[in-house]
Amino acid sequence: MHTPVTIIGAGLGGLTLARVLHVHDVSVTVYEAEPSPSARAQGGLLDIHDYNGQLALEAAGLTDEFRAIVLEGRQALRVVDEDGTVLLDQADDGTGGRPEVQRGDLRQVLLDSLPADTVRWGHKVGRTRGLGDGRHEVSFADGSTVVTRLLVGADGAWSRVRPLLSSATPEYTGKSVVETYLYDAGSRHPGAAKTVGGGMLIAPSPGKEIFAHREKDDTLHAYVGLSRPRDWFAAVDFTDAAEATARIAREFDGWAPELTALITDSDVAPVLRSLYALPAGHRWERLPGVTLLGDAAHLSAPNGEGANLAMLDGAELGTAIAAHPEDIERALGEYERAMFPRSAESATDDMIGLDSADNTAQGLIDLVTENGL
């Protein structure tokens, strides 16, 4: 099969690119390894920023659809100390530039905006190779292949397209998070629900933190961050939910029980998410017919910008292709020249790291105050 534009990966970045190309009547096909849109949960809340993510959705013509899925009140921010003392309590007054949406809802908005046959599900990439003259072949696990004049790797941290351009691979950041969920929080977990409040809660400490969101359907979704080597987590048996929960909770001995309840009262087994990053400032030499976006291009430690940057990458790449349909290399060059410095700046403009002595409630408050968040 020969296609003009082939996108690998149906995440937010790849789908934004597909939507912008569709708006400009550019034929595009997206190949996704997952067997269906509902194959797995799509993560928690995303704050979509007015200076990148919202601009991408505007370029995609989906601002109204985006506004329809915003969860009101979720921009509220509460910072607490280890003993549960609330040191900052910002209400959501509706004027902030980072409204919150469920990742899955946003992905569905993008999927619904595309013709039904745009995304080909169940296509796991086995290999990619250059054929010369800007053409590339993608081989899938089911034995099928596709040859394309423009290949875009939007396939995340462990991209199968990236090796065409770069030998860089993600490295462990020294930090991991453990995810937990508390359902029907107001009635079943009132202490934790009261502590989290209506939006986001952060309880930081050097080397560890608890971060929680109130999602839709009265769900509390917590991310328990620990700065530990991979061997430390490997010694925790996450197949035994009770043992894993108890082991992670021990790292927070002495913390307020309404905070540790976000660990111990989880309604699901704790899920380990190790954090990886590409080298800061990752870039490559221009190679005809192929490029990357999102985490495939510039994976960094979580700082609230990943999804936003992926969507902006997709929107800007799509706009450039539409502007130069007869000169794809010019479009790719323009896109990469803007994307490289933007992603490098974002990677260095990180929140206070877990290992930092400033990773305290007061340190976070100072950061919020200084940056007007």
Protein backbone atom coordinates (compact mmCIF):
# COMPACT_ATOMS: atom_id res chain seq x y z
CA MET A 1 0.00 0.00 0.00
CA HIS A 2 1.23 3.50 -0.82
CA THR A 3 0.02 6.50 1.19
CA PRO A 4 0.95 10.19 0.97
CA VAL A 5 1.07 10.94 4.74
CA THR A 6 1.45 8.15 7.26
CA ILE A 7 1.27 8.80 11.00
CA ILE A 8 2.37 6.14 13.48
CA GLY A 9 0.50 6.54 16.76
CA ALA A 10 -3.07 7.66 17.56
CA GLY A 11 -2.24 9.67 20.66
CA LEU A 12 -3.14 13.33 21.07
CA GLY A 13 -0.24 14.59 18.93
CA GLY A 14 -0.79 12.21 16.04
CA LEU A 15 -4.53 12.79 16.01
CA THR A 16 -4.11 16.57 16.12
CA LEU A 17 -1.83 16.35 13.08
CA ALA A 18 -4.37 14.14 11.30
CA ARG A 19 -7.19 16.55 12.09
CA VAL A 20 -5.32 19.64 10.87
CA LEU A 21 -4.40 17.83 7.64
CA HIS A 22 -8.03 16.75 7.23
CA VAL A 23 -9.19 20.35 7.68
CA HIS A 24 -6.86 21.29 4.80
CA ASP A 25 -7.99 18.35 2.62
CA VAL A 26 -4.67 16.52 2.86
CA SER A 27 -5.04 12.73 2.74
CA VAL A 28 -3.66 11.01 5.85
CA THR A 29 -3.69 7.58 7.49
CA VAL A 30 -2.92 6.87 11.15
CA TYR A 31 -1.69 3.44 12.26
CA GLU A 32 -2.14 2.52 15.92
CA ALA A 33 -0.94 -0.59 17.77
CA GLU A 34 -3.94 -0.74 20.12
CA PRO A 35 -6.78 -2.90 18.80
CA SER A 36 -9.51 -0.31 19.39
CA PRO A 37 -10.11 3.17 20.87
CA SER A 38 -11.33 1.56 24.10
CA ALA A 39 -8.51 -0.97 24.47
CA ARG A 40 -7.14 0.73 27.58
CA ALA A 41 -7.80 3.65 29.90
CA GLN A 42 -6.36 6.90 28.57
CA GLY A 43 -5.00 8.42 31.78
CA GLY A 44 -6.23 11.19 34.00
CA LEU A 45 -6.77 14.93 33.81
CA LEU A 46 -4.83 17.23 31.51
CA ASP A 47 -4.53 20.97 31.94
CA ILE A 48 -4.67 22.39 28.41
CA HIS A 49 -2.74 25.65 28.26
CA ASP A 50 -3.78 28.77 26.41
CA TYR A 51 -0.29 29.24 24.95
CA ASN A 52 0.13 25.83 23.31
CA GLY A 53 -2.54 23.13 23.66
CA GLN A 54 -5.46 25.48 23.11
CA LEU A 55 -3.73 27.03 20.10
CA ALA A 56 -3.43 23.54 18.61
CA LEU A 57 -7.13 22.86 19.13
CA GLU A 58 -7.95 26.20 17.53
CA ALA A 59 -5.90 25.25 14.48
CA ALA A 60 -7.83 21.98 14.41
CA GLY A 61 -11.15 23.83 14.52
CA LEU A 62 -12.16 22.10 17.75
CA THR A 63 -12.31 24.89 20.31
CA ASP A 64 -16.05 24.53 20.95
CA GLU A 65 -15.79 20.75 21.27
CA PHE A 66 -12.90 21.22 23.71
CA ARG A 67 -14.85 23.72 25.83
CA ALA A 68 -17.73 21.26 26.04
CA ILE A 69 -15.60 18.67 27.88
CA VAL A 70 -13.88 21.04 30.33
CA LEU A 71 -14.45 20.03 33.96
CA GLU A 72 -15.43 23.18 35.78
CA GLY A 73 -13.65 23.95 39.04
CA ARG A 74 -10.71 21.64 38.45
CA GLN A 75 -8.17 24.48 38.15
CA ALA A 76 -8.37 24.84 41.92
CA LEU A 77 -5.00 24.23 43.58
CA ARG A 78 -4.25 23.18 47.13
CA VAL A 79 -0.75 22.78 48.56
CA VAL A 80 -0.41 21.02 51.90
CA ASP A 81 2.40 20.11 54.27
CA GLU A 82 3.17 16.56 55.35
CA ASP A 83 0.98 17.00 58.43
CA GLY A 84 -1.99 18.00 56.27
CA THR A 85 -1.78 21.73 57.01
CA VAL A 86 -3.17 23.66 54.04
CA LEU A 87 -0.65 26.34 53.09
CA LEU A 88 -2.17 27.41 49.76
CA ASP A 89 -5.79 27.11 48.68
CA GLN A 90 -6.52 28.70 45.30
CA ALA A 91 -10.08 28.52 44.04
CA ASP A 92 -10.92 28.09 40.38
CA ASP A 93 -12.43 31.46 39.47
CA GLY A 94 -12.75 30.59 35.79
CA THR A 95 -10.09 33.05 34.65
CA GLY A 96 -7.13 30.66 34.50
CA GLY A 97 -5.53 29.63 31.24
CA ARG A 98 -5.28 25.91 31.91
CA PRO A 99 -8.75 24.28 32.02
CA GLU A 100 -8.79 20.60 32.86
CA VAL A 101 -10.20 17.80 30.73
CA GLN A 102 -10.05 14.03 30.87
CA ARG A 103 -7.40 12.75 28.45
CA GLY A 104 -9.77 10.09 27.14
CA ASP A 105 -12.50 12.64 26.43
CA LEU A 106 -10.06 14.86 24.52
CA ARG A 107 -8.81 11.91 22.48
CA GLN A 108 -12.40 11.02 21.63
CA VAL A 109 -13.08 14.58 20.44
CA LEU A 110 -10.15 14.24 18.05
CA LEU A 111 -11.21 10.79 16.86
CA ASP A 112 -14.79 11.96 16.26
CA SER A 113 -13.48 14.82 14.12
CA LEU A 114 -11.86 12.44 11.60
CA PRO A 115 -13.38 10.25 8.89
CA ALA A 116 -14.04 6.78 10.26
CA ASP A 117 -11.34 5.07 8.20
CA THR A 118 -8.52 7.49 9.11
CA VAL A 119 -7.20 5.38 12.00
CA ARG A 120 -6.21 1.79 11.32
CA TRP A 121 -6.33 -0.03 14.65
CA GLY A 122 -4.34 -3.12 15.58
CA HIS A 123 -1.27 -2.17 13.54
CA LYS A 124 1.78 -2.65 15.71
CA VAL A 125 4.98 -1.54 14.00
CA GLY A 126 7.69 -4.16 13.73
CA ARG A 127 10.23 -2.28 11.63
CA THR A 128 10.76 0.87 9.61
CA ARG A 129 13.33 1.36 6.87
CA GLY A 130 14.31 3.93 4.29
CA LEU A 131 13.89 3.12 0.62
CA GLY A 132 15.64 6.19 -0.75
CA ASP A 133 14.27 9.31 -2.44
CA GLY A 134 12.37 10.26 0.75
CA ARG A 135 10.28 7.07 0.76
CA HIS A 136 9.95 4.81 3.80
CA GLU A 137 8.49 1.39 4.43
CA VAL A 138 6.69 0.43 7.62
CA SER A 139 6.31 -3.28 8.41
CA PHE A 140 3.64 -4.33 10.89
CA ALA A 141 3.50 -7.31 13.21
CA ASP A 142 0.68 -8.87 11.17
CA GLY A 143 2.95 -9.05 8.11
CA SER A 144 1.45 -6.12 6.23
CA THR A 145 3.54 -3.19 5.01
CA VAL A 146 2.99 0.37 3.89
CA VAL A 147 5.24 2.62 1.80
CA THR A 148 4.90 6.36 2.28
CA ARG A 149 6.34 9.64 1.04
CA LEU A 150 5.94 11.22 4.48
CA LEU A 151 6.32 9.21 7.68
CA VAL A 152 5.59 10.85 11.02
CA GLY A 153 6.53 9.14 14.27
CA ALA A 154 3.92 10.10 16.85
CA ASP A 155 4.42 6.82 18.68
CA GLY A 156 5.65 7.98 22.04
CA ALA A 157 8.62 7.27 24.26
CA TRP A 158 9.65 3.99 22.65
CA SER A 159 9.09 5.13 19.08
CA ARG A 160 9.80 2.65 16.28
CA VAL A 161 10.23 5.57 13.87
CA ARG A 162 12.87 7.46 15.90
CA PRO A 163 15.78 5.12 14.97
CA LEU A 164 15.49 6.34 11.38
CA LEU A 165 16.60 9.75 12.62
CA SER A 166 18.40 9.33 15.90
CA SER A 167 20.23 6.77 18.03
CA ALA A 168 18.96 8.41 21.24
CA THR A 169 16.93 6.27 23.63
CA PRO A 170 15.03 7.30 26.78
CA GLU A 171 16.85 6.95 30.07
CA TYR A 172 15.42 6.50 33.55
CA THR A 173 15.13 9.84 35.35
CA GLY A 174 15.66 8.35 38.80
CA LYS A 175 12.00 8.87 39.68
CA SER A 176 8.82 6.84 39.43
CA VAL A 177 5.20 7.36 40.34
CA VAL A 178 2.66 4.92 41.66
CA GLU A 179 -0.92 5.53 40.56
CA THR A 180 -3.97 4.92 42.73
CA TYR A 181 -7.70 5.56 42.33
CA LEU A 182 -10.37 6.20 44.96
CA TYR A 183 -13.90 5.95 43.54
CA ASP A 184 -17.07 7.66 44.83
CA ALA A 185 -14.73 9.64 47.03
CA GLY A 186 -17.30 11.89 48.70
CA SER A 187 -19.26 8.97 50.13
CA ARG A 188 -16.64 6.22 50.40
CA HIS A 189 -13.46 8.20 51.16
CA PRO A 190 -14.67 11.44 52.77
CA GLY A 191 -11.40 12.25 54.57
CA ALA A 192 -9.30 12.05 51.44
CA ALA A 193 -11.98 13.84 49.41
CA LYS A 194 -12.08 16.75 51.85
CA THR A 195 -8.29 17.01 51.81
CA VAL A 196 -8.00 17.04 48.01
CA GLY A 197 -10.79 19.56 47.56
CA GLY A 198 -12.34 20.33 44.21
CA GLY A 199 -9.26 20.40 42.01
CA MET A 200 -5.61 19.49 42.41
CA LEU A 201 -3.68 18.74 45.58
CA ILE A 202 0.10 18.62 45.93
CA ALA A 203 1.89 17.47 49.08
CA PRO A 204 5.63 17.76 48.30
CA SER A 205 8.73 16.74 50.22
CA PRO A 206 12.35 16.17 49.15
CA GLY A 207 12.53 12.78 47.42
CA LYS A 208 8.80 12.14 47.54
CA GLU A 209 5.37 13.72 46.98
CA ILE A 210 1.69 12.98 46.71
CA PHE A 211 -0.18 14.59 43.84
CA ALA A 212 -3.93 14.09 43.43
CA HIS A 213 -6.74 15.25 41.15
CA ARG A 214 -10.49 15.17 41.57
CA GLU A 215 -11.63 13.74 38.26
CA LYS A 216 -15.15 13.36 36.93
CA ASP A 217 -17.59 10.97 38.59
CA ASP A 218 -16.15 11.93 42.01
CA THR A 219 -12.94 9.96 41.44
CA LEU A 220 -9.68 10.82 43.17
CA HIS A 221 -6.67 9.94 41.03
CA ALA A 222 -3.36 10.09 42.89
CA TYR A 223 0.24 9.97 41.71
CA VAL A 224 2.66 9.01 44.47
CA GLY A 225 6.12 10.12 43.43
CA LEU A 226 9.35 8.64 44.76
CA SER A 227 12.95 9.35 43.85
CA ARG A 228 14.37 5.84 43.94
CA PRO A 229 16.50 3.65 41.63
CA ARG A 230 14.81 1.08 39.43
CA ASP A 231 16.21 -1.74 41.59
CA TRP A 232 14.30 -0.37 44.56
CA PHE A 233 10.99 -0.62 42.71
CA ALA A 234 11.95 -4.00 41.22
CA ALA A 235 12.13 -5.35 44.77
CA VAL A 236 8.47 -4.41 45.35
CA ASP A 237 6.04 -7.12 44.28
CA PHE A 238 3.40 -5.16 42.39
CA THR A 239 1.56 -8.40 41.59
CA ASP A 240 0.61 -8.46 45.29
CA ALA A 241 -1.55 -5.35 45.68
CA ALA A 242 -1.62 -5.44 49.48
CA GLU A 243 2.15 -5.88 49.79
CA ALA A 244 2.92 -3.18 47.22
CA THR A 245 0.49 -0.74 48.83
CA ALA A 246 1.98 -1.30 52.28
CA ARG A 247 5.54 -0.91 50.96
CA ILE A 248 4.83 2.38 49.21
CA ALA A 249 2.85 3.68 52.19
CA ARG A 250 5.81 3.02 54.52
CA GLU A 251 7.76 5.68 52.62
CA PHE A 252 5.22 8.18 53.98
CA ASP A 253 5.25 7.13 57.63
CA GLY A 254 4.42 10.11 59.82
CA TRP A 255 2.40 11.89 57.15
CA ALA A 256 -1.19 12.89 57.85
CA PRO A 257 -3.55 9.88 57.56
CA GLU A 258 -5.85 11.81 55.22
CA LEU A 259 -2.89 12.05 52.81
CA THR A 260 -1.66 8.47 53.16
CA ALA A 261 -5.25 7.34 52.60
CA LEU A 262 -4.67 8.25 48.97
CA ILE A 263 -2.30 5.27 48.97
CA THR A 264 -3.78 2.82 51.44
CA ASP A 265 -7.45 3.25 50.49
CA SER A 266 -7.00 2.78 46.75
CA ASP A 267 -9.82 0.89 45.06
CA VAL A 268 -7.40 -0.59 42.53
CA ALA A 269 -4.01 -2.22 42.76
CA PRO A 270 -1.21 0.37 42.69
CA VAL A 271 0.31 0.83 39.23
CA LEU A 272 4.00 1.65 38.80
CA ARG A 273 4.95 4.25 36.18
CA SER A 274 8.70 4.66 35.78
CA LEU A 275 9.69 8.05 34.35
CA TYR A 276 12.04 8.26 31.38
CA ALA A 277 13.42 11.13 29.31
CA LEU A 278 15.36 11.71 26.12
CA PRO A 279 18.52 13.83 26.33
CA ALA A 280 17.68 17.50 26.81
CA GLY A 281 17.78 19.33 23.51
CA HIS A 282 17.37 16.13 21.50
CA ARG A 283 17.43 16.82 17.76
CA TRP A 284 18.49 15.24 14.49
CA GLU A 285 19.74 16.11 11.03
CA ARG A 286 17.02 16.61 8.42
CA LEU A 287 16.28 13.33 6.63
CA PRO A 288 13.89 13.53 3.67
CA GLY A 289 10.42 12.14 4.18
CA VAL A 290 10.36 11.52 7.94
CA THR A 291 9.98 13.44 11.20
CA LEU A 292 8.82 13.03 14.81
CA LEU A 293 6.48 14.78 17.19
CA GLY A 294 5.54 14.67 20.87
CA ASP A 295 7.31 12.19 23.16
CA ALA A 296 8.88 10.46 20.17
CA ALA A 297 10.78 13.71 19.56
CA HIS A 298 11.30 15.22 23.00
CA LEU A 299 10.23 12.99 25.88
CA SER A 300 10.98 14.72 29.18
CA ALA A 301 10.17 14.29 32.85
CA PRO A 302 6.52 15.22 33.50
CA ASN A 303 6.10 18.98 33.86
CA GLY A 304 2.55 19.54 32.66
CA GLU A 305 3.62 20.30 29.10
CA GLY A 306 3.88 16.91 27.38
CA ALA A 307 0.37 16.60 25.93
CA ASN A 308 0.22 20.31 25.15
CA LEU A 309 3.51 20.22 23.26
CA ALA A 310 2.51 17.08 21.35
CA MET A 311 -0.69 18.73 20.15
CA LEU A 312 1.12 21.94 19.21
CA ASP A 313 3.70 19.87 17.33
CA GLY A 314 0.89 18.17 15.42
CA ALA A 315 -0.89 21.43 14.65
CA GLU A 316 2.23 23.24 13.47
CA LEU A 317 3.42 20.32 11.37
CA GLY A 318 -0.01 19.99 9.77
CA THR A 319 -0.17 23.71 9.06
CA ALA A 320 3.30 23.66 7.49
CA ILE A 321 2.43 20.68 5.26
CA ALA A 322 -0.80 22.38 4.15
CA ALA A 323 1.13 25.57 3.37
CA HIS A 324 3.74 23.74 1.24
CA PRO A 325 2.01 20.68 -0.22
CA GLU A 326 4.41 20.58 -3.17
CA ASP A 327 7.53 21.05 -1.04
CA ILE A 328 7.33 18.68 1.91
CA GLU A 329 10.99 19.15 2.82
CA ARG A 330 10.43 22.87 3.25
CA ALA A 331 7.45 22.11 5.50
CA LEU A 332 9.44 19.65 7.62
CA GLY A 333 12.35 22.07 7.90
CA GLU A 334 10.10 24.91 9.09
CA TYR A 335 8.41 22.63 11.60
CA GLU A 336 11.64 21.25 13.07
CA ARG A 337 13.33 24.66 13.31
CA ALA A 338 10.50 25.84 15.55
CA MET A 339 9.99 22.60 17.44
CA PHE A 340 13.59 21.95 18.52
CA PRO A 341 14.14 25.11 20.59
CA ARG A 342 10.60 25.05 21.97
CA SER A 343 10.92 21.51 23.29
CA ALA A 344 14.42 22.17 24.66
CA GLU A 345 13.17 25.20 26.58
CA SER A 346 10.24 23.25 27.99
CA ALA A 347 12.50 20.40 29.14
CA THR A 348 14.67 22.80 31.16
CA ASP A 349 11.73 24.83 32.45
CA ASP A 350 10.75 22.05 34.83
CA MET A 351 8.92 22.17 38.12
CA ILE A 352 11.01 21.67 41.27
CA GLY A 353 12.50 18.19 41.10
CA LEU A 354 11.73 15.53 43.67
CA ASP A 355 15.38 15.46 44.72
CA SER A 356 15.53 19.20 45.29
CA ALA A 357 15.77 20.57 48.82
CA ASP A 358 13.15 23.09 47.62
CA ASN A 359 10.62 20.33 46.95
CA THR A 360 8.58 21.41 49.96
CA ALA A 361 5.17 22.98 50.31
CA GLN A 362 6.72 26.41 50.78
CA GLY A 363 9.11 25.90 47.88
CA LEU A 364 6.19 25.04 45.61
CA ILE A 365 4.19 28.03 46.83
CA ASP A 366 7.13 30.31 46.06
CA LEU A 367 7.34 28.82 42.56
CA VAL A 368 3.61 29.30 41.98
CA THR A 369 3.81 32.88 43.22
CA GLU A 370 6.86 33.74 41.13
CA ASN A 371 5.34 32.34 37.95
CA GLY A 372 1.84 33.66 38.52
CA LEU A 373 0.29 30.19 38.24
